[in-house]
N, C-alpha and C. Protein backbone atom coordinates (compact mmCIF):
# COMPACT_ATOMS: atom_id res chain seq x y z
N MET A 1 -1.61 185.85 263.45
CA MET A 1 -2.28 185.89 262.15
C MET A 1 -1.25 186.09 261.06
N LYS A 2 -1.25 185.18 260.08
CA LYS A 2 -0.42 185.37 258.91
C LYS A 2 -1.18 186.22 257.91
N MET A 3 -0.47 186.94 257.10
CA MET A 3 -1.14 187.78 256.11
C MET A 3 -0.47 187.60 254.77
N THR A 4 -1.27 187.33 253.78
CA THR A 4 -0.78 187.22 252.42
C THR A 4 -1.39 188.34 251.61
N ILE A 5 -0.58 189.00 250.79
CA ILE A 5 -1.05 190.16 250.05
C ILE A 5 -1.04 189.87 248.56
N PHE A 6 -2.15 190.13 247.92
CA PHE A 6 -2.25 190.03 246.47
C PHE A 6 -2.27 191.44 245.89
N PHE A 7 -1.53 191.68 244.83
CA PHE A 7 -1.55 192.97 244.17
C PHE A 7 -2.44 192.83 242.94
N LEU A 8 -3.56 193.50 242.95
CA LEU A 8 -4.49 193.36 241.85
C LEU A 8 -4.45 194.59 240.95
N SER A 9 -3.27 194.93 240.43
CA SER A 9 -3.23 195.94 239.39
C SER A 9 -3.69 195.30 238.09
N SER A 10 -3.70 194.01 238.05
CA SER A 10 -4.45 193.22 237.08
C SER A 10 -4.83 191.95 237.81
N VAL A 11 -5.69 191.14 237.23
CA VAL A 11 -6.22 190.00 237.97
C VAL A 11 -5.11 189.02 238.33
N THR A 12 -5.05 188.65 239.57
CA THR A 12 -4.04 187.72 240.06
C THR A 12 -4.71 186.39 240.38
N ALA A 13 -4.09 185.29 239.97
CA ALA A 13 -4.59 183.97 240.29
C ALA A 13 -3.48 183.17 240.92
N THR A 14 -3.82 182.24 241.79
CA THR A 14 -2.80 181.42 242.44
C THR A 14 -2.80 180.03 241.83
N LEU A 15 -1.67 179.36 241.97
CA LEU A 15 -1.50 178.04 241.40
C LEU A 15 -1.36 177.01 242.51
N PRO A 16 -1.50 175.72 242.20
CA PRO A 16 -1.37 174.69 243.23
C PRO A 16 -0.04 174.80 243.97
N GLY A 17 -0.08 174.46 245.26
CA GLY A 17 1.12 174.52 246.07
C GLY A 17 1.19 175.74 246.96
N MET A 18 0.27 176.69 246.77
CA MET A 18 0.23 177.87 247.62
C MET A 18 -0.81 177.62 248.71
N ASP A 19 -0.37 177.50 249.93
CA ASP A 19 -1.22 177.09 251.04
C ASP A 19 -1.56 178.29 251.90
N PHE A 20 -2.85 178.69 251.92
CA PHE A 20 -3.28 179.83 252.70
C PHE A 20 -4.29 179.43 253.77
N HIS A 21 -4.24 178.17 254.21
CA HIS A 21 -5.29 177.71 255.11
C HIS A 21 -5.29 178.46 256.44
N ASP A 22 -4.11 178.98 256.84
CA ASP A 22 -4.06 179.67 258.12
C ASP A 22 -3.76 181.16 257.94
N ALA A 23 -4.05 181.67 256.74
CA ALA A 23 -3.72 183.06 256.45
C ALA A 23 -4.96 183.92 256.43
N ARG A 24 -4.81 185.16 256.89
CA ARG A 24 -5.80 186.20 256.64
C ARG A 24 -5.30 186.95 255.42
N THR A 25 -6.10 186.99 254.39
CA THR A 25 -5.67 187.55 253.13
C THR A 25 -5.97 189.04 253.06
N CYS A 26 -4.97 189.78 252.63
CA CYS A 26 -5.16 191.20 252.36
C CYS A 26 -5.13 191.39 250.85
N VAL A 27 -6.21 191.92 250.30
CA VAL A 27 -6.32 192.14 248.87
C VAL A 27 -6.20 193.63 248.59
N ILE A 28 -5.27 193.98 247.71
CA ILE A 28 -5.05 195.39 247.38
C ILE A 28 -5.40 195.60 245.91
N PHE A 29 -6.36 196.47 245.66
CA PHE A 29 -6.71 196.85 244.31
C PHE A 29 -5.91 198.08 243.90
N GLY A 30 -5.18 197.97 242.79
CA GLY A 30 -4.45 199.09 242.25
C GLY A 30 -5.06 199.56 240.95
N ALA A 31 -4.66 200.73 240.50
CA ALA A 31 -5.14 201.25 239.22
C ALA A 31 -4.48 200.49 238.08
N GLY A 32 -5.01 200.63 236.89
CA GLY A 32 -4.42 199.98 235.72
C GLY A 32 -5.47 199.24 234.92
N ASP A 33 -5.03 198.61 233.84
CA ASP A 33 -5.94 197.86 232.98
C ASP A 33 -6.20 196.49 233.56
N TYR A 34 -7.47 196.12 233.64
CA TYR A 34 -7.88 194.82 234.15
C TYR A 34 -8.41 193.98 233.00
N TYR A 35 -8.26 192.65 233.17
CA TYR A 35 -8.86 191.73 232.22
C TYR A 35 -10.25 191.34 232.73
N ASP A 36 -10.92 190.47 231.97
CA ASP A 36 -12.34 190.22 232.22
C ASP A 36 -12.61 189.30 233.40
N GLU A 37 -11.60 188.53 233.83
CA GLU A 37 -11.84 187.58 234.90
C GLU A 37 -12.14 188.30 236.22
N THR A 38 -13.06 187.73 236.98
CA THR A 38 -13.38 188.28 238.30
C THR A 38 -12.49 187.60 239.34
N PRO A 39 -11.74 188.37 240.12
CA PRO A 39 -10.85 187.74 241.10
C PRO A 39 -11.63 187.03 242.20
N ALA A 40 -11.10 185.90 242.64
CA ALA A 40 -11.70 185.16 243.75
C ALA A 40 -11.12 185.71 245.05
N ILE A 41 -11.95 186.36 245.83
CA ILE A 41 -11.49 187.01 247.05
C ILE A 41 -12.17 186.37 248.25
N PRO A 42 -11.42 185.90 249.25
CA PRO A 42 -12.02 185.27 250.43
C PRO A 42 -13.00 186.20 251.13
N ASP A 43 -14.03 185.63 251.71
CA ASP A 43 -15.06 186.43 252.38
C ASP A 43 -14.50 187.26 253.53
N ASP A 44 -13.47 186.75 254.20
CA ASP A 44 -12.93 187.46 255.35
C ASP A 44 -11.71 188.30 255.00
N ALA A 45 -11.49 188.54 253.71
CA ALA A 45 -10.31 189.29 253.29
C ALA A 45 -10.39 190.74 253.75
N PHE A 46 -9.23 191.31 254.01
CA PHE A 46 -9.10 192.72 254.33
C PHE A 46 -8.75 193.43 253.03
N VAL A 47 -9.65 194.29 252.55
CA VAL A 47 -9.53 194.87 251.21
C VAL A 47 -9.12 196.34 251.29
N VAL A 48 -8.06 196.67 250.57
CA VAL A 48 -7.58 198.05 250.49
C VAL A 48 -7.59 198.47 249.02
N ALA A 49 -8.16 199.63 248.72
CA ALA A 49 -8.16 200.17 247.36
C ALA A 49 -7.19 201.34 247.31
N ALA A 50 -6.24 201.26 246.37
CA ALA A 50 -5.25 202.32 246.20
C ALA A 50 -5.67 203.19 245.02
N ASP A 51 -6.10 204.40 245.32
CA ASP A 51 -6.46 205.38 244.30
C ASP A 51 -7.42 204.79 243.27
N GLY A 52 -7.00 204.74 241.99
CA GLY A 52 -7.89 204.25 240.93
C GLY A 52 -8.31 202.81 241.09
N GLY A 53 -7.66 202.08 241.99
CA GLY A 53 -8.11 200.73 242.28
C GLY A 53 -9.51 200.69 242.85
N LEU A 54 -9.96 201.83 243.41
CA LEU A 54 -11.33 201.90 243.93
C LEU A 54 -12.33 201.72 242.80
N ASP A 55 -12.02 202.21 241.61
CA ASP A 55 -12.92 202.00 240.46
C ASP A 55 -13.13 200.51 240.21
N HIS A 56 -12.03 199.74 240.28
CA HIS A 56 -12.12 198.31 240.02
C HIS A 56 -12.86 197.59 241.15
N ALA A 57 -12.60 197.97 242.38
CA ALA A 57 -13.31 197.35 243.50
C ALA A 57 -14.81 197.60 243.36
N ARG A 58 -15.18 198.81 243.01
CA ARG A 58 -16.60 199.12 242.82
C ARG A 58 -17.19 198.30 241.68
N ALA A 59 -16.43 198.16 240.59
CA ALA A 59 -16.93 197.40 239.44
C ALA A 59 -17.19 195.94 239.80
N PHE A 60 -16.38 195.38 240.72
CA PHE A 60 -16.57 194.01 241.16
C PHE A 60 -17.59 193.91 242.30
N GLY A 61 -18.15 195.05 242.72
CA GLY A 61 -19.12 195.04 243.81
C GLY A 61 -18.49 194.76 245.16
N ILE A 62 -17.24 195.16 245.35
CA ILE A 62 -16.51 194.88 246.58
C ILE A 62 -16.39 196.16 247.39
N ASP A 63 -16.75 196.08 248.65
CA ASP A 63 -16.65 197.22 249.56
C ASP A 63 -15.29 197.20 250.23
N ALA A 64 -14.46 198.19 249.92
CA ALA A 64 -13.11 198.23 250.48
C ALA A 64 -13.15 198.62 251.95
N ASP A 65 -12.31 197.97 252.74
CA ASP A 65 -12.19 198.31 254.15
C ASP A 65 -11.45 199.64 254.33
N PHE A 66 -10.49 199.91 253.44
CA PHE A 66 -9.76 201.17 253.46
C PHE A 66 -9.54 201.64 252.04
N VAL A 67 -9.53 202.95 251.86
CA VAL A 67 -9.21 203.56 250.57
C VAL A 67 -8.10 204.58 250.82
N VAL A 68 -7.07 204.56 249.98
CA VAL A 68 -5.94 205.46 250.19
C VAL A 68 -5.46 205.99 248.84
N GLY A 69 -4.99 207.23 248.81
CA GLY A 69 -4.43 207.79 247.59
C GLY A 69 -4.64 209.28 247.49
N ASP A 70 -4.02 209.87 246.46
CA ASP A 70 -4.29 211.28 246.18
C ASP A 70 -5.45 211.43 245.21
N PHE A 71 -5.93 210.28 244.69
CA PHE A 71 -7.13 210.19 243.86
C PHE A 71 -7.01 210.98 242.56
N ASP A 72 -5.80 210.95 241.99
CA ASP A 72 -5.61 211.59 240.70
C ASP A 72 -5.92 210.66 239.53
N SER A 73 -6.06 209.35 239.81
CA SER A 73 -6.34 208.41 238.73
C SER A 73 -7.73 207.80 238.83
N ILE A 74 -8.50 208.21 239.81
CA ILE A 74 -9.85 207.67 239.96
C ILE A 74 -10.78 208.32 238.93
N THR A 75 -11.65 207.53 238.34
CA THR A 75 -12.59 208.06 237.35
C THR A 75 -14.00 208.22 237.91
N GLY A 76 -14.32 207.44 238.94
CA GLY A 76 -15.63 207.56 239.57
C GLY A 76 -15.63 208.65 240.63
N ASP A 77 -16.65 208.63 241.46
CA ASP A 77 -16.75 209.62 242.53
C ASP A 77 -15.63 209.43 243.54
N ARG A 78 -15.09 210.54 244.02
CA ARG A 78 -14.09 210.45 245.09
C ARG A 78 -14.74 209.85 246.33
N PRO A 79 -13.99 209.06 247.08
CA PRO A 79 -14.57 208.44 248.28
C PRO A 79 -14.91 209.50 249.33
N THR A 80 -15.91 209.18 250.11
CA THR A 80 -16.30 210.06 251.20
C THR A 80 -15.19 210.11 252.25
N GLN A 81 -14.87 211.30 252.72
CA GLN A 81 -13.82 211.43 253.73
C GLN A 81 -14.35 210.94 255.07
N ASN A 82 -13.78 209.85 255.56
CA ASN A 82 -14.16 209.29 256.86
C ASN A 82 -12.98 208.52 257.42
N ASP A 83 -13.21 207.75 258.47
CA ASP A 83 -12.09 207.05 259.11
C ASP A 83 -11.60 205.86 258.31
N ARG A 84 -12.25 205.56 257.17
CA ARG A 84 -11.79 204.50 256.28
C ARG A 84 -11.13 205.05 255.02
N THR A 85 -10.97 206.35 254.94
CA THR A 85 -10.36 206.99 253.77
C THR A 85 -9.14 207.80 254.20
N ILE A 86 -8.03 207.56 253.52
CA ILE A 86 -6.81 208.32 253.79
C ILE A 86 -6.45 209.08 252.52
N ALA A 87 -6.67 210.39 252.54
CA ALA A 87 -6.35 211.23 251.39
C ALA A 87 -4.91 211.70 251.49
N LEU A 88 -4.13 211.42 250.47
CA LEU A 88 -2.71 211.77 250.46
C LEU A 88 -2.47 213.00 249.58
N PRO A 89 -1.44 213.78 249.85
CA PRO A 89 -1.10 214.90 248.99
C PRO A 89 -0.53 214.39 247.66
N SER A 90 -0.57 215.20 246.64
CA SER A 90 -0.05 214.78 245.34
C SER A 90 1.46 214.61 245.36
N GLU A 91 2.16 215.39 246.17
CA GLU A 91 3.60 215.24 246.33
C GLU A 91 3.87 214.51 247.64
N LYS A 92 4.44 213.31 247.52
CA LYS A 92 4.62 212.46 248.70
C LYS A 92 5.78 211.52 248.46
N ASP A 93 6.28 210.96 249.54
CA ASP A 93 7.40 210.03 249.44
C ASP A 93 6.97 208.66 248.94
N ASP A 94 5.84 208.17 249.42
CA ASP A 94 5.38 206.83 249.06
C ASP A 94 4.29 206.90 248.01
N PRO A 95 4.39 206.12 246.93
CA PRO A 95 3.28 206.04 245.98
C PRO A 95 2.05 205.41 246.63
N ASP A 96 0.92 205.57 245.97
CA ASP A 96 -0.34 205.12 246.56
C ASP A 96 -0.33 203.63 246.87
N LEU A 97 0.23 202.81 245.95
CA LEU A 97 0.23 201.37 246.17
C LEU A 97 1.07 200.98 247.37
N LEU A 98 2.20 201.64 247.55
CA LEU A 98 3.03 201.35 248.72
C LEU A 98 2.31 201.76 250.00
N SER A 99 1.58 202.87 249.95
CA SER A 99 0.80 203.29 251.13
C SER A 99 -0.26 202.24 251.46
N ALA A 100 -0.88 201.68 250.43
CA ALA A 100 -1.86 200.61 250.65
C ALA A 100 -1.20 199.38 251.27
N LEU A 101 0.01 199.07 250.80
CA LEU A 101 0.76 197.95 251.37
C LEU A 101 1.01 198.16 252.86
N LYS A 102 1.40 199.36 253.22
CA LYS A 102 1.70 199.64 254.63
C LYS A 102 0.46 199.50 255.49
N ILE A 103 -0.69 199.86 254.95
CA ILE A 103 -1.94 199.66 255.69
C ILE A 103 -2.16 198.17 255.93
N GLY A 104 -1.90 197.38 254.89
CA GLY A 104 -2.04 195.93 255.04
C GLY A 104 -1.09 195.38 256.07
N TRP A 105 0.15 195.86 256.05
CA TRP A 105 1.13 195.39 257.05
C TRP A 105 0.71 195.76 258.46
N LEU A 106 0.21 196.98 258.63
CA LEU A 106 -0.22 197.40 259.97
C LEU A 106 -1.41 196.60 260.46
N ARG A 107 -2.24 196.17 259.52
CA ARG A 107 -3.42 195.40 259.89
C ARG A 107 -3.03 194.01 260.39
N GLY A 108 -1.95 193.47 259.84
CA GLY A 108 -1.46 192.17 260.26
C GLY A 108 -0.48 192.32 261.41
N GLU A 109 0.29 191.30 261.62
CA GLU A 109 1.29 191.31 262.68
C GLU A 109 2.67 191.29 262.06
N GLY A 110 2.96 192.33 261.30
CA GLY A 110 4.25 192.41 260.65
C GLY A 110 4.28 191.62 259.36
N VAL A 111 5.43 191.60 258.72
CA VAL A 111 5.60 190.88 257.46
C VAL A 111 5.95 189.43 257.76
N THR A 112 5.14 188.51 257.28
CA THR A 112 5.38 187.09 257.53
C THR A 112 5.89 186.38 256.30
N GLN A 113 5.85 187.04 255.14
CA GLN A 113 6.35 186.39 253.93
C GLN A 113 6.83 187.46 252.97
N ILE A 114 8.01 187.25 252.40
CA ILE A 114 8.55 188.15 251.40
C ILE A 114 8.62 187.41 250.07
N VAL A 115 8.06 188.01 249.03
CA VAL A 115 8.09 187.45 247.69
C VAL A 115 8.73 188.50 246.78
N LEU A 116 9.69 188.08 245.96
CA LEU A 116 10.40 189.00 245.08
C LEU A 116 9.77 188.99 243.68
N ASP A 117 9.47 190.17 243.16
CA ASP A 117 8.89 190.34 241.83
C ASP A 117 9.86 191.17 241.00
N PRO A 118 10.44 190.61 239.92
CA PRO A 118 11.39 191.37 239.12
C PRO A 118 10.77 192.53 238.38
N GLY A 119 9.45 192.55 238.23
CA GLY A 119 8.78 193.70 237.64
C GLY A 119 8.87 193.77 236.13
N PHE A 120 8.44 192.72 235.44
CA PHE A 120 8.41 192.76 233.98
C PHE A 120 7.47 193.87 233.51
N GLY A 121 7.85 194.54 232.44
CA GLY A 121 7.09 195.70 231.99
C GLY A 121 7.58 196.93 232.73
N PHE A 122 6.69 197.71 233.26
CA PHE A 122 7.03 198.84 234.12
C PHE A 122 8.16 199.70 233.54
N SER A 123 7.88 200.30 232.36
CA SER A 123 8.78 201.27 231.71
C SER A 123 10.06 200.64 231.17
N LYS A 124 10.12 199.33 231.06
CA LYS A 124 11.28 198.67 230.47
C LYS A 124 11.04 198.43 228.98
N THR A 125 12.12 198.41 228.21
CA THR A 125 12.01 198.06 226.80
C THR A 125 11.83 196.56 226.65
N VAL A 126 11.45 196.13 225.46
CA VAL A 126 11.32 194.70 225.19
C VAL A 126 12.65 194.01 225.44
N GLU A 127 13.74 194.61 224.95
CA GLU A 127 15.06 194.02 225.13
C GLU A 127 15.41 193.91 226.61
N GLN A 128 15.11 194.93 227.38
CA GLN A 128 15.41 194.90 228.82
C GLN A 128 14.61 193.82 229.52
N ASN A 129 13.36 193.63 229.12
CA ASN A 129 12.54 192.59 229.74
C ASN A 129 13.08 191.20 229.46
N PHE A 130 13.54 190.95 228.23
CA PHE A 130 14.10 189.63 227.92
C PHE A 130 15.43 189.42 228.64
N HIS A 131 16.21 190.48 228.79
CA HIS A 131 17.45 190.35 229.56
C HIS A 131 17.13 190.05 231.02
N LEU A 132 16.11 190.72 231.55
CA LEU A 132 15.68 190.46 232.93
C LEU A 132 15.25 189.02 233.11
N LEU A 133 14.52 188.49 232.13
CA LEU A 133 14.08 187.10 232.20
C LEU A 133 15.29 186.16 232.24
N GLY A 134 16.29 186.46 231.44
CA GLY A 134 17.46 185.59 231.40
C GLY A 134 18.30 185.62 232.67
N GLU A 135 18.15 186.67 233.47
CA GLU A 135 18.92 186.80 234.70
C GLU A 135 18.07 186.59 235.96
N MET A 136 16.82 186.19 235.78
CA MET A 136 15.89 186.13 236.91
C MET A 136 16.34 185.13 237.97
N HIS A 137 17.10 184.11 237.58
CA HIS A 137 17.55 183.10 238.55
C HIS A 137 18.39 183.72 239.66
N ARG A 138 18.98 184.87 239.39
CA ARG A 138 19.81 185.51 240.42
C ARG A 138 18.97 185.98 241.61
N LEU A 139 17.71 186.32 241.36
CA LEU A 139 16.85 186.72 242.47
C LEU A 139 16.65 185.57 243.44
N GLY A 140 16.53 184.36 242.90
CA GLY A 140 16.34 183.19 243.74
C GLY A 140 17.50 182.94 244.68
N GLU A 141 18.69 183.45 244.31
CA GLU A 141 19.86 183.27 245.16
C GLU A 141 19.74 184.05 246.46
N LEU A 142 18.77 184.97 246.53
CA LEU A 142 18.57 185.74 247.76
C LEU A 142 17.81 184.96 248.82
N GLY A 143 17.24 183.82 248.41
CA GLY A 143 16.59 182.95 249.39
C GLY A 143 15.10 183.18 249.59
N TYR A 144 14.48 184.00 248.73
CA TYR A 144 13.04 184.25 248.84
C TYR A 144 12.33 183.72 247.60
N PRO A 145 11.02 183.41 247.72
CA PRO A 145 10.26 182.99 246.53
C PRO A 145 10.24 184.11 245.50
N VAL A 146 10.26 183.72 244.23
CA VAL A 146 10.25 184.69 243.13
C VAL A 146 8.92 184.58 242.39
N LEU A 147 8.28 185.71 242.20
CA LEU A 147 7.02 185.79 241.45
C LEU A 147 7.30 186.35 240.08
N ALA A 148 6.78 185.70 239.04
CA ALA A 148 6.93 186.19 237.66
C ALA A 148 5.58 186.63 237.13
N GLY A 149 5.47 187.91 236.82
CA GLY A 149 4.24 188.46 236.25
C GLY A 149 4.46 188.82 234.80
N ILE A 150 4.50 187.80 233.95
CA ILE A 150 4.86 188.00 232.56
C ILE A 150 3.68 187.79 231.62
N SER A 151 2.56 187.37 232.18
CA SER A 151 1.40 186.97 231.38
C SER A 151 0.88 188.10 230.49
N ARG A 152 0.87 187.83 229.17
CA ARG A 152 0.32 188.74 228.16
C ARG A 152 0.98 190.12 228.16
N LYS A 153 2.22 190.21 228.63
CA LYS A 153 2.92 191.48 228.68
C LYS A 153 3.34 191.92 227.27
N SER A 154 3.65 193.20 227.14
CA SER A 154 3.98 193.76 225.83
C SER A 154 5.23 193.14 225.23
N MET A 155 6.15 192.65 226.05
CA MET A 155 7.35 192.00 225.53
C MET A 155 6.98 190.79 224.68
N ILE A 156 5.81 190.22 224.96
CA ILE A 156 5.35 189.05 224.19
C ILE A 156 4.63 189.50 222.93
N TYR A 157 3.59 190.31 223.09
CA TYR A 157 2.78 190.62 221.91
C TYR A 157 3.46 191.59 220.95
N LYS A 158 4.39 192.41 221.43
CA LYS A 158 5.15 193.26 220.51
C LYS A 158 6.15 192.43 219.71
N THR A 159 6.78 191.47 220.35
CA THR A 159 7.71 190.60 219.65
C THR A 159 7.00 189.78 218.58
N LEU A 160 5.81 189.32 218.89
CA LEU A 160 5.05 188.49 217.95
C LEU A 160 4.16 189.30 217.02
N ASP A 161 4.18 190.63 217.18
CA ASP A 161 3.36 191.52 216.36
C ASP A 161 1.88 191.10 216.41
N THR A 162 1.39 190.98 217.63
CA THR A 162 0.00 190.57 217.83
C THR A 162 -0.61 191.44 218.91
N THR A 163 -1.61 190.95 219.62
CA THR A 163 -2.30 191.71 220.66
C THR A 163 -2.28 190.92 221.96
N PRO A 164 -2.57 191.57 223.10
CA PRO A 164 -2.63 190.82 224.36
C PRO A 164 -3.60 189.64 224.31
N ASP A 165 -4.71 189.81 223.61
CA ASP A 165 -5.69 188.73 223.54
C ASP A 165 -5.16 187.50 222.80
N ASP A 166 -4.16 187.71 221.92
CA ASP A 166 -3.61 186.60 221.15
C ASP A 166 -2.23 186.19 221.64
N ALA A 167 -1.92 186.51 222.88
CA ALA A 167 -0.57 186.27 223.40
C ALA A 167 -0.48 185.06 224.31
N LEU A 168 -1.47 184.18 224.28
CA LEU A 168 -1.46 183.04 225.19
C LEU A 168 -0.31 182.07 224.88
N ALA A 169 -0.10 181.77 223.61
CA ALA A 169 0.97 180.82 223.26
C ALA A 169 2.33 181.36 223.69
N GLY A 170 2.56 182.64 223.42
CA GLY A 170 3.81 183.25 223.84
C GLY A 170 3.96 183.29 225.34
N THR A 171 2.86 183.56 226.02
CA THR A 171 2.89 183.56 227.49
C THR A 171 3.25 182.19 228.02
N THR A 172 2.66 181.16 227.45
CA THR A 172 2.92 179.79 227.89
C THR A 172 4.39 179.42 227.70
N ALA A 173 4.96 179.82 226.55
CA ALA A 173 6.37 179.52 226.29
C ALA A 173 7.27 180.20 227.32
N LEU A 174 6.99 181.47 227.61
CA LEU A 174 7.84 182.18 228.56
C LEU A 174 7.58 181.76 230.00
N HIS A 175 6.38 181.24 230.30
CA HIS A 175 6.14 180.70 231.63
C HIS A 175 7.07 179.51 231.90
N TRP A 176 7.31 178.69 230.88
CA TRP A 176 8.24 177.58 231.05
C TRP A 176 9.61 178.12 231.43
N GLU A 177 10.06 179.17 230.73
CA GLU A 177 11.37 179.74 231.04
C GLU A 177 11.40 180.36 232.43
N CYS A 178 10.29 180.98 232.84
CA CYS A 178 10.22 181.53 234.20
C CYS A 178 10.41 180.43 235.24
N LEU A 179 9.75 179.31 235.03
CA LEU A 179 9.90 178.19 235.96
C LEU A 179 11.33 177.66 235.93
N ARG A 180 11.92 177.58 234.74
CA ARG A 180 13.31 177.12 234.62
C ARG A 180 14.27 178.07 235.33
N GLN A 181 13.92 179.34 235.34
CA GLN A 181 14.75 180.35 236.00
C GLN A 181 14.51 180.41 237.51
N GLY A 182 13.59 179.59 238.00
CA GLY A 182 13.40 179.49 239.45
C GLY A 182 12.17 180.15 240.02
N ALA A 183 11.26 180.66 239.17
CA ALA A 183 10.03 181.27 239.69
C ALA A 183 9.19 180.21 240.39
N SER A 184 8.67 180.55 241.55
CA SER A 184 7.80 179.62 242.28
C SER A 184 6.35 180.08 242.28
N ILE A 185 6.11 181.29 241.80
CA ILE A 185 4.75 181.83 241.70
C ILE A 185 4.60 182.49 240.34
N LEU A 186 3.52 182.21 239.65
CA LEU A 186 3.21 182.87 238.39
C LEU A 186 1.96 183.72 238.57
N ARG A 187 2.05 184.99 238.18
CA ARG A 187 0.85 185.84 238.14
C ARG A 187 0.27 185.69 236.74
N VAL A 188 -0.96 185.20 236.67
CA VAL A 188 -1.49 184.76 235.38
C VAL A 188 -2.88 185.33 235.12
N HIS A 189 -3.27 185.26 233.86
CA HIS A 189 -4.64 185.55 233.46
C HIS A 189 -5.38 184.28 233.06
N ASP A 190 -4.63 183.27 232.64
CA ASP A 190 -5.21 182.03 232.13
C ASP A 190 -4.80 180.90 233.07
N THR A 191 -5.60 180.68 234.11
CA THR A 191 -5.19 179.78 235.18
C THR A 191 -5.08 178.33 234.72
N ARG A 192 -6.00 177.87 233.86
CA ARG A 192 -5.97 176.47 233.43
C ARG A 192 -4.69 176.18 232.65
N GLU A 193 -4.36 177.04 231.71
CA GLU A 193 -3.16 176.84 230.90
C GLU A 193 -1.89 176.95 231.75
N ALA A 194 -1.90 177.88 232.71
CA ALA A 194 -0.73 178.03 233.59
C ALA A 194 -0.54 176.80 234.45
N ALA A 195 -1.64 176.26 234.98
CA ALA A 195 -1.55 175.05 235.80
C ALA A 195 -1.03 173.88 234.97
N GLN A 196 -1.39 173.83 233.69
CA GLN A 196 -0.90 172.75 232.83
C GLN A 196 0.60 172.86 232.60
N ILE A 197 1.09 174.08 232.36
CA ILE A 197 2.53 174.23 232.12
C ILE A 197 3.31 173.93 233.39
N VAL A 198 2.75 174.26 234.56
CA VAL A 198 3.41 173.92 235.82
C VAL A 198 3.47 172.40 235.99
N ALA A 199 2.37 171.71 235.67
CA ALA A 199 2.34 170.25 235.80
C ALA A 199 3.35 169.60 234.86
N LEU A 200 3.45 170.11 233.63
CA LEU A 200 4.41 169.57 232.67
C LEU A 200 5.84 169.83 233.12
N TYR A 201 6.09 171.01 233.64
CA TYR A 201 7.45 171.33 234.08
C TYR A 201 7.85 170.46 235.27
N GLU A 202 6.93 170.27 236.20
CA GLU A 202 7.24 169.43 237.35
C GLU A 202 7.52 167.99 236.92
N ARG A 203 6.76 167.49 235.92
CA ARG A 203 7.01 166.14 235.41
C ARG A 203 8.38 166.05 234.73
N TYR A 204 8.72 167.10 233.99
CA TYR A 204 10.03 167.17 233.35
C TYR A 204 11.14 167.13 234.39
N GLU A 205 11.00 167.91 235.45
CA GLU A 205 12.01 167.96 236.51
C GLU A 205 12.16 166.60 237.19
N GLN A 206 11.02 165.95 237.46
CA GLN A 206 11.04 164.66 238.14
C GLN A 206 11.70 163.59 237.25
N SER A 207 11.42 163.64 235.95
CA SER A 207 11.96 162.64 235.02
C SER A 207 13.45 162.79 234.83
N ASN A 208 13.96 163.98 235.09
CA ASN A 208 15.39 164.23 234.91
C ASN A 208 16.12 164.40 236.24
N ASP A 209 15.44 163.97 237.34
CA ASP A 209 16.05 163.98 238.67
C ASP A 209 16.65 165.33 239.04
N ARG A 210 15.86 166.40 238.83
CA ARG A 210 16.37 167.74 239.14
C ARG A 210 15.74 168.25 240.42
């Protein structure tokens, strides 16, 4: 069994070219701000909620197979303690999301795919994020697919002095640069627009024999 893991600390969408026909999907809900789109989750997916991610799973009407965390970020009722709940101490080596990942790995047959995420945002300054974008091609030199999660990030709307809701044009521009830097997966909120920029970039590459 192959296993593909989606990190839903915000809504994740996939683009053409990602083939999961023989995969058992593990979906991990993490805490954080979510957008309005409802994630498309396969019926046979193995669902893990990490701490406050349980709030989001409940909001989508999804019954998690496992819940893990110290539950310091959950706003709803704490999960019932049973064989599907793993309560962690507040002081621990692994954060809640990593613990959820390990549950997913144990459920599958080891790691079958590694994807590198440079981690745009995540306590970085705007300047640091743009520097990271300019050097992202170096991750591709490691030989693994690179995922870019830049959609509607603060580096865009702070630079443009706007809001996340008005950051689509900026997101689209930087998605082109992500693809130019070697990203093979885009984590997006606006799937139609992202698919269009991918199609345009692929046509550009083909026309220039790259």
